[in-house]
Amino acid sequence: MWLNSGVPAPDVAERAGHGVDVLLKVYAKCIDGQREIANQRIESALIA
């Protein structure tokens, strides 16, 4: 839920008591609906 809400992975990992590597290994499959947001951020960065 936190990852899907846009909370950065390092913050979620710290609050959950995990390292980022463990967090993403375990919970990456739960991240949903972020592709369009990621595409917009990448496009914005390339334009800037």
C-alpha atoms as a PDB file:
ATOM      1  CA  MET A   1       0.000   0.000   0.000  1.00  0.00           C
ATOM      2  CA  TRP A   2       2.789   2.445   0.886  1.00  0.00           C
ATOM      3  CA  LEU A   3       4.710   1.718  -2.296  1.00  0.00           C
ATOM      4  CA  ASN A   4       1.558   2.118  -4.379  1.00  0.00           C
ATOM      5  CA  SER A   5       0.878   5.402  -2.615  1.00  0.00           C
ATOM      6  CA  GLY A   6       4.200   6.760  -3.825  1.00  0.00           C
ATOM      7  CA  VAL A   7       6.192   6.497  -0.614  1.00  0.00           C
ATOM      8  CA  PRO A   8       9.841   6.045  -1.654  1.00  0.00           C
ATOM      9  CA  ALA A   9      11.166   2.495  -1.228  1.00  0.00           C
ATOM     10  CA  PRO A  10      13.933   3.523   1.227  1.00  0.00           C
ATOM     11  CA  ASP A  11      11.335   5.086   3.532  1.00  0.00           C
ATOM     12  CA  VAL A  12       9.055   2.058   3.352  1.00  0.00           C
ATOM     13  CA  ALA A  13      11.985  -0.272   3.990  1.00  0.00           C
ATOM     14  CA  GLU A  14      13.104   1.683   7.029  1.00  0.00           C
ATOM     15  CA  ARG A  15       9.605   1.734   8.516  1.00  0.00           C
ATOM     16  CA  ALA A  16       9.165  -1.981   7.828  1.00  0.00           C
ATOM     17  CA  GLY A  17      12.545  -2.837   9.301  1.00  0.00           C
ATOM     18  CA  HIS A  18      13.947  -4.151   6.028  1.00  0.00           C
ATOM     19  CA  GLY A  19      16.670  -3.165   3.618  1.00  0.00           C
ATOM     20  CA  VAL A  20      15.500  -1.894   0.238  1.00  0.00           C
ATOM     21  CA  ASP A  21      16.753  -5.071  -1.442  1.00  0.00           C
ATOM     22  CA  VAL A  22      14.607  -7.280   0.793  1.00  0.00           C
ATOM     23  CA  LEU A  23      11.630  -4.957   0.519  1.00  0.00           C
ATOM     24  CA  LEU A  24      11.662  -4.998  -3.278  1.00  0.00           C
ATOM     25  CA  LYS A  25      12.368  -8.721  -3.488  1.00  0.00           C
ATOM     26  CA  VAL A  26       9.372  -9.500  -1.289  1.00  0.00           C
ATOM     27  CA  TYR A  27       6.920  -6.747  -2.231  1.00  0.00           C
ATOM     28  CA  ALA A  28       7.742  -5.717  -5.819  1.00  0.00           C
ATOM     29  CA  LYS A  29       4.976  -7.969  -7.088  1.00  0.00           C
ATOM     30  CA  CYS A  30       2.490  -5.892  -5.069  1.00  0.00           C
ATOM     31  CA  ILE A  31       3.324  -2.632  -6.829  1.00  0.00           C
ATOM     32  CA  ASP A  32       0.566  -1.887  -9.305  1.00  0.00           C
ATOM     33  CA  GLY A  33      -0.497   0.994 -11.495  1.00  0.00           C
ATOM     34  CA  GLN A  34       2.779   2.887 -11.484  1.00  0.00           C
ATOM     35  CA  ARG A  35       3.792   2.488 -15.131  1.00  0.00           C
ATOM     36  CA  GLU A  36       2.079   5.642 -16.409  1.00  0.00           C
ATOM     37  CA  ILE A  37       3.474   7.752 -13.566  1.00  0.00           C
ATOM     38  CA  ALA A  38       6.957   6.365 -14.219  1.00  0.00           C
ATOM     39  CA  ASN A  39       6.629   7.079 -17.947  1.00  0.00           C
ATOM     40  CA  GLN A  40       5.603  10.684 -17.239  1.00  0.00           C
ATOM     41  CA  ARG A  41       8.546  11.200 -14.880  1.00  0.00           C
ATOM     42  CA  ILE A  42      11.004   9.737 -17.395  1.00  0.00           C
ATOM     43  CA  GLU A  43       9.591  11.906 -20.179  1.00  0.00           C
ATOM     44  CA  SER A  44       9.793  15.025 -17.990  1.00  0.00           C
ATOM     45  CA  ALA A  45      13.409  14.263 -17.065  1.00  0.00           C
ATOM     46  CA  LEU A  46      14.371  13.779 -20.715  1.00  0.00           C
ATOM     47  CA  ILE A  47      12.781  17.078 -21.723  1.00  0.00           C
ATOM     48  CA  ALA A  48      14.417  19.116 -18.954  1.00  0.00           C
END
